[in-house]
C-alpha cells in the first residue's frame, strides 16, 4: 500500500509502500510480525527494571531507551552508568562507531578520535544491560546471547507488554537480540507505557523519555523534537523505516515503511498524529533542486475506509 510519495517540482517522482497502525484507523498489514529495531528499546528497558536494574539516576532510563547521537553529554552519561556498575567501556559488546551527530563527529575526529564502542548509538542500552547483569551477578561476556538470563527476562517483558508471543528473534545492528512484533502489538505496548500507573516500571520509562527527549536521540532529531513539542507524546524510531508513538488520551501510531526508507517515516507520522487530533510541529523532508526546496515528501491520504481496530 502506498503511504508516502516524493514530489519534485509538482511531479510524483517516487513512492513508498508501508503499513500503519493508528487508533484513528489502520491500513496495510498490522498483524504480521516485523523487527521494530530500536523502537523496541523502551520495552526492553521495562524488562531491565523488572529484572532488577536500579538506575543511579532515573534520567538514565531515557538514554538506555534511546538511540543517542554520540554528543558529549550522551557519552558522559553512558560512562557514568558503567562506572556506577564498576565497569568501563571495555565491557561493552556493541560495535565501534563514530557519533551520529555531524557536529559531534567532526569535533571528535578533529581531536584525533576514532570509532569507539561508547560512541555507538546503542551504547546506552548496552550499558543498562550490563548494569542489570551486575545487579544480578549474571555473566557479562555473554549478555547479548538470547539464552542469557538477561535476554530471557527482556523477552518475557516485551511479550507481556505487546500482548503477543515473540515469533522470531534476530540479531540487531548493535549485536543484541531484536524481537519481532506486529505493528498492533508494538502500539499496544506503547499505550501501556503512557497509561501505566505513576511510579510503575512502564510509566517511569515513559516519563523519563518525555522529560529528557535529548537523551533519547539528540539535538535536532525527530524523536527529540516531537517529544519536546507535544505534551505527553512518547516516541521512539527504529531502523528500516519503523516508528512508534503514543499520546495519552489520543492513542497510538506505529509505522513500517516496506523498503526501509527513513525519509518517509516522519511525514506519515505527522499526518497520522493530525488524524488523532494532535497538533504537531513542522518537521518535514524537503526535496532539493540546485540547493533550494523544490518539493516535499508527503503522506498519502487514505483512499478507502480504515482497516483494523481502533484499539491495539
Protein backbone atom coordinates (compact mmCIF):
# COMPACT_ATOMS: atom_id res chain seq x y z
CA UNK A 1 0.00 0.00 0.00
CA UNK A 2 1.39 3.42 -0.97
CA UNK A 3 1.56 5.62 2.13
CA UNK A 4 4.03 8.32 1.03
CA UNK A 5 5.14 9.98 -2.16
CA UNK A 6 8.11 12.10 -3.18
CA UNK A 7 7.09 15.19 -5.13
CA UNK A 8 9.64 17.16 -7.19
CA UNK A 9 8.52 20.30 -8.99
CA UNK A 10 4.89 19.17 -8.76
CA UNK A 11 5.69 15.73 -10.24
CA UNK A 12 5.41 12.50 -8.23
CA UNK A 13 8.93 11.10 -8.58
CA UNK A 14 8.86 8.14 -6.18
CA UNK A 15 6.53 6.37 -3.76
CA UNK A 16 6.93 4.40 -0.56
CA UNK A 17 4.77 1.43 0.42
CA UNK A 18 4.13 0.52 4.03
CA UNK A 19 1.69 -0.20 6.82
CA UNK A 20 0.28 1.97 9.59
CA UNK A 21 -1.41 1.05 12.84
CA UNK A 22 -3.37 4.04 14.12
CA UNK A 23 -6.01 4.41 16.78
CA UNK A 24 -7.80 6.56 14.18
CA UNK A 25 -7.91 3.61 11.75
CA UNK A 26 -5.20 1.35 10.38
CA UNK A 27 -4.14 0.42 6.88
CA UNK A 28 -1.91 -2.21 5.40
CA UNK A 29 -0.69 -5.27 7.29
CA UNK A 30 -0.68 -4.51 11.02
CA UNK A 31 -0.75 -8.12 12.25
CA UNK A 32 2.29 -9.76 10.64
CA UNK A 33 5.40 -9.53 12.86
CA UNK A 34 8.21 -7.17 11.87
CA UNK A 35 11.53 -6.33 13.53
CA UNK A 36 10.80 -2.95 15.22
CA UNK A 37 14.54 -2.49 15.71
CA UNK A 38 15.24 0.38 18.13
CA UNK A 39 11.53 1.09 18.61
CA UNK A 40 11.69 -1.90 20.97
CA UNK A 41 14.16 -0.17 23.29
CA UNK A 42 11.64 1.35 25.75
CA UNK A 43 10.07 -2.09 26.15
CA UNK A 44 13.49 -3.64 26.72
CA UNK A 45 14.18 -1.05 29.41
CA UNK A 46 11.00 -2.10 31.21
CA UNK A 47 12.42 -5.62 31.11
CA UNK A 48 15.66 -4.38 32.70
CA UNK A 49 13.73 -2.72 35.53
CA UNK A 50 11.66 -5.84 36.09
CA UNK A 51 14.91 -7.83 36.22
CA UNK A 52 16.31 -5.62 38.98
CA UNK A 53 18.01 -2.63 37.34
CA UNK A 54 18.32 0.22 39.82
CA UNK A 55 19.42 3.32 37.85
CA UNK A 56 21.82 5.66 39.61
CA UNK A 57 19.74 8.49 38.11
CA UNK A 58 16.25 7.97 36.69
CA UNK A 59 17.15 10.14 33.68
CA UNK A 60 19.46 7.30 32.66
CA UNK A 61 16.32 5.38 31.66
CA UNK A 62 15.86 7.82 28.76
CA UNK A 63 19.36 7.14 27.46
CA UNK A 64 19.05 3.37 27.97
CA UNK A 65 15.81 3.51 25.95
CA UNK A 66 17.29 5.74 23.26
CA UNK A 67 19.47 5.77 20.18
CA UNK A 68 21.79 8.57 21.13
CA UNK A 69 23.70 10.77 18.69
CA UNK A 70 27.07 10.49 20.38
CA UNK A 71 27.10 14.06 21.67
CA UNK A 72 29.39 14.76 24.61
CA UNK A 73 26.60 14.64 27.18
CA UNK A 74 25.47 11.26 25.82
CA UNK A 75 28.92 9.73 26.02
CA UNK A 76 29.49 11.10 29.51
CA UNK A 77 26.24 9.60 30.78
CA UNK A 78 26.95 6.18 29.26
CA UNK A 79 30.27 6.14 31.08
CA UNK A 80 28.60 7.20 34.31
CA UNK A 81 26.18 4.27 34.05
CA UNK A 82 29.08 1.90 33.54
CA UNK A 83 31.14 3.47 36.31
CA UNK A 84 28.27 3.14 38.79
CA UNK A 85 28.24 -0.58 37.97
CA UNK A 86 32.01 -0.84 38.45
CA UNK A 87 32.63 -1.23 34.71
CA UNK A 88 34.44 0.59 31.91
CA UNK A 89 33.94 0.96 28.15
CA UNK A 90 35.73 -2.36 27.70
CA UNK A 91 32.65 -4.23 28.96
CA UNK A 92 30.50 -3.01 26.07
CA UNK A 93 29.88 -5.52 23.28
CA UNK A 94 28.22 -3.19 20.79
CA UNK A 95 30.21 -2.37 17.62
CA UNK A 96 32.56 0.60 17.42
CA UNK A 97 31.23 3.73 15.75
CA UNK A 98 31.66 7.45 15.32
CA UNK A 99 28.97 9.83 16.68
CA UNK A 100 25.78 10.09 14.62
CA UNK A 101 25.58 13.86 15.12
CA UNK A 102 27.60 15.60 12.42
CA UNK A 103 28.96 18.31 14.73
CA UNK A 104 29.92 15.79 17.39
CA UNK A 105 31.54 13.52 14.80
CA UNK A 106 33.57 16.35 13.29
CA UNK A 107 34.72 17.53 16.72
CA UNK A 108 35.68 14.00 17.72
CA UNK A 109 37.68 13.39 14.55
CA UNK A 110 39.42 16.78 14.77
CA UNK A 111 40.83 15.79 18.15
CA UNK A 112 42.21 12.58 16.65
CA UNK A 113 39.41 10.32 17.87
CA UNK A 114 38.32 7.21 16.02
CA UNK A 115 35.43 4.75 16.27
CA UNK A 116 34.71 3.52 19.81
CA UNK A 117 32.04 1.31 21.34
CA UNK A 118 30.86 4.02 23.72
CA UNK A 119 30.05 6.27 20.74
CA UNK A 120 27.73 3.70 19.15
CA UNK A 121 24.10 4.86 19.28
CA UNK A 122 23.03 1.76 21.24
CA UNK A 123 25.73 2.02 23.91
CA UNK A 124 23.23 3.38 26.43
CA UNK A 125 21.08 0.27 26.06
CA UNK A 126 24.15 -1.95 26.37
CA UNK A 127 25.31 -0.07 29.47
CA UNK A 128 21.87 -0.64 31.01
CA UNK A 129 22.02 -4.32 30.15
CA UNK A 130 25.45 -4.63 31.76
CA UNK A 131 24.32 -2.79 34.90
CA UNK A 132 21.39 -5.21 35.19
CA UNK A 133 23.77 -8.15 34.89
CA UNK A 134 25.97 -6.73 37.65
CA UNK A 135 22.91 -6.29 39.89
CA UNK A 136 22.05 -9.97 39.42
CA UNK A 137 25.61 -11.36 39.35
CA UNK A 138 24.94 -12.64 35.81
CA UNK A 139 27.78 -13.29 33.31
CA UNK A 140 28.92 -10.16 31.50
CA UNK A 141 30.73 -11.55 28.47
CA UNK A 142 27.64 -13.26 27.04
CA UNK A 143 24.95 -10.70 27.91
CA UNK A 144 23.88 -10.44 24.23
CA UNK A 145 23.14 -14.17 23.93
CA UNK A 146 19.38 -14.88 23.58
CA UNK A 147 19.83 -17.74 26.07
CA UNK A 148 21.33 -15.43 28.72
CA UNK A 149 19.08 -14.82 31.76
CA UNK A 150 19.07 -11.11 30.93
CA UNK A 151 17.72 -11.63 27.43
CA UNK A 152 15.17 -14.16 28.66
CA UNK A 153 13.87 -11.58 31.13
CA UNK A 154 13.71 -8.91 28.40
CA UNK A 155 11.87 -11.25 26.02
CA UNK A 156 9.30 -12.09 28.68
CA UNK A 157 8.69 -8.40 29.39
CA UNK A 158 8.38 -7.40 25.72
CA UNK A 159 5.89 -10.21 25.03
CA UNK A 160 3.86 -9.22 28.06
CA UNK A 161 3.74 -5.53 27.11
CA UNK A 162 2.83 -6.29 23.50
CA UNK A 163 0.25 -8.90 24.45
CA UNK A 164 1.54 -11.34 21.86
CA UNK A 165 4.04 -14.17 21.51
CA UNK A 166 7.53 -13.44 20.16
CA UNK A 167 7.65 -15.44 16.92
CA UNK A 168 11.15 -14.52 15.73
CA UNK A 169 14.42 -13.41 17.29
CA UNK A 170 17.14 -11.80 15.20
CA UNK A 171 20.45 -10.02 15.73
CA UNK A 172 20.06 -6.25 15.80
CA UNK A 173 22.64 -3.88 14.36
CA UNK A 174 24.20 -3.50 17.80
CA UNK A 175 24.54 -7.26 18.25
CA UNK A 176 21.82 -7.63 20.88
CA UNK A 177 18.67 -9.64 20.14
CA UNK A 178 15.82 -7.95 18.27
CA UNK A 179 12.35 -9.35 18.90
CA UNK A 180 9.64 -9.49 16.25
CA UNK A 181 6.29 -7.82 16.98
CA UNK A 182 3.32 -6.81 14.90
CA UNK A 183 2.54 -3.13 14.49
CA UNK A 184 -0.55 -3.79 16.60
CA UNK A 185 1.48 -5.34 19.41
CA UNK A 186 4.03 -2.53 19.29
CA UNK A 187 1.25 0.05 19.55
CA UNK A 188 -0.34 -1.84 22.42
CA UNK A 189 2.95 -1.81 24.29
CA UNK A 190 3.49 1.94 23.81
CA UNK A 191 -0.02 2.68 25.01
CA UNK A 192 0.67 0.61 28.10
CA UNK A 193 3.75 2.72 28.83
CA UNK A 194 1.95 6.07 28.71
CA UNK A 195 -1.19 4.86 30.50
CA UNK A 196 0.51 2.93 33.31
CA UNK A 197 0.23 3.97 36.94
CA UNK A 198 2.73 6.64 38.03
CA UNK A 199 5.77 5.03 39.61
CA UNK A 200 5.36 1.72 37.76
CA UNK A 201 8.26 0.44 35.67
CA UNK A 202 6.34 1.21 32.48
CA UNK A 203 5.47 4.75 33.49
CA UNK A 204 8.97 5.50 34.75
CA UNK A 205 10.40 4.70 31.34
CA UNK A 206 7.79 6.80 29.53
CA UNK A 207 8.12 9.71 31.96
CA UNK A 208 11.92 9.88 31.77
CA UNK A 209 11.95 9.69 27.98
CA UNK A 210 9.44 12.53 27.77
CA UNK A 211 11.25 14.59 30.40
CA UNK A 212 14.64 14.13 28.71
CA UNK A 213 14.00 13.81 24.95
CA UNK A 214 17.53 14.98 24.18
CA UNK A 215 18.81 11.74 25.74
CA UNK A 216 16.54 9.59 23.58
CA UNK A 217 18.06 10.80 20.31
CA UNK A 218 19.95 14.08 20.03
CA UNK A 219 19.96 17.70 19.01
CA UNK A 220 17.53 18.25 16.13
CA UNK A 221 16.41 14.62 15.91
CA UNK A 222 12.77 13.90 15.07
CA UNK A 223 12.07 11.91 18.27
CA UNK A 224 13.59 14.68 20.37
CA UNK A 225 11.72 17.47 18.59
CA UNK A 226 8.36 15.67 18.77
CA UNK A 227 8.56 14.89 22.47
CA UNK A 228 9.74 18.41 23.25
CA UNK A 229 6.91 19.98 21.25
CA UNK A 230 3.90 17.78 22.03
CA UNK A 231 2.96 17.41 25.72
CA UNK A 232 2.71 13.77 26.79
CA UNK A 233 3.88 12.32 23.47
CA UNK A 234 6.19 9.30 23.66
CA UNK A 235 8.19 8.49 20.51
CA UNK A 236 10.88 6.04 19.51
CA UNK A 237 12.06 5.47 16.00
CA UNK A 238 13.80 2.37 14.69
CA UNK A 239 15.90 1.44 11.69
CA UNK A 240 14.35 0.25 8.44
CA UNK A 241 11.53 2.77 8.50
CA UNK A 242 9.90 1.98 11.85
CA UNK A 243 8.49 4.41 14.39
CA UNK A 244 6.20 4.06 17.39
CA UNK A 245 4.30 6.85 19.15
CA UNK A 246 1.69 7.06 21.88
CA UNK A 247 -0.19 10.08 23.23
CA UNK A 248 -2.26 9.75 26.41
CA UNK A 249 -5.95 10.15 25.68
CA UNK A 250 -5.39 10.19 21.90
CA UNK A 251 -4.00 6.77 21.06
CA UNK A 252 -1.02 5.13 19.41
CA UNK A 253 0.59 5.02 15.98
CA UNK A 254 3.14 2.53 14.66
CA UNK A 255 4.57 2.63 11.15
CA UNK A 256 6.69 0.36 8.99
CA UNK A 257 7.98 1.58 5.62
CA UNK A 258 8.32 -1.55 3.48
CA UNK A 259 11.55 -0.59 1.73
CA UNK A 260 13.15 0.60 4.96
CA UNK A 261 13.30 4.18 3.70
CA UNK A 262 13.69 6.51 6.66
CA UNK A 263 12.70 9.66 4.75
CA UNK A 264 9.03 8.63 4.51
CA UNK A 265 8.59 7.86 8.20
CA UNK A 266 8.11 11.32 9.73
CA UNK A 267 5.74 12.78 7.09
CA UNK A 268 3.44 9.79 7.51
CA UNK A 269 3.65 10.00 11.30
CA UNK A 270 2.78 13.71 11.36
CA UNK A 271 -0.26 13.10 9.17
CA UNK A 272 -1.44 10.29 11.41
CA UNK A 273 -0.97 12.41 14.54
CA UNK A 274 -3.14 15.09 12.96
CA UNK A 275 -5.82 12.46 12.34
CA UNK A 276 -5.73 11.78 16.09
CA UNK A 277 -6.30 15.47 16.74
CA UNK A 278 -2.74 16.13 17.90
CA UNK A 279 -1.11 19.43 16.97
CA UNK A 280 2.32 18.75 15.51
CA UNK A 281 5.44 20.83 14.91
CA UNK A 282 6.64 21.50 11.38
CA UNK A 283 9.12 18.70 10.79
CA UNK A 284 9.43 17.61 7.21
CA UNK A 285 11.56 16.20 4.46
CA UNK A 286 12.17 18.71 1.70
CA UNK A 287 13.15 17.75 -1.85
CA UNK A 288 16.01 19.94 -3.07
CA UNK A 289 16.96 21.09 -6.55
CA UNK A 290 20.01 23.25 -7.05
CA UNK A 291 20.26 23.56 -3.29
CA UNK A 292 16.76 25.04 -3.00
CA UNK A 293 13.46 23.40 -1.92
CA UNK A 294 11.51 22.25 -4.99
CA UNK A 295 9.19 19.70 -3.42
CA UNK A 296 8.44 17.52 -0.44
CA UNK A 297 7.91 14.02 0.85
CA UNK A 298 4.27 13.81 1.86
CA UNK A 299 1.89 11.27 3.30
CA UNK A 300 -0.72 9.78 1.01
CA UNK A 301 -4.21 10.13 2.45
CA UNK A 302 -6.30 7.02 2.86
CA UNK A 303 -8.50 6.45 -0.17
CA UNK A 304 -10.54 3.69 1.45
CA UNK A 305 -12.20 3.09 4.83
CA UNK A 306 -9.82 2.33 7.71
CA UNK A 307 -8.78 -1.27 8.22
CA UNK A 308 -8.18 -2.89 11.57
CA UNK A 309 -9.39 -1.97 15.01
CA UNK A 310 -9.21 1.36 16.74
CA UNK A 311 -7.57 -0.12 19.83
CA UNK A 312 -4.32 -2.08 19.87
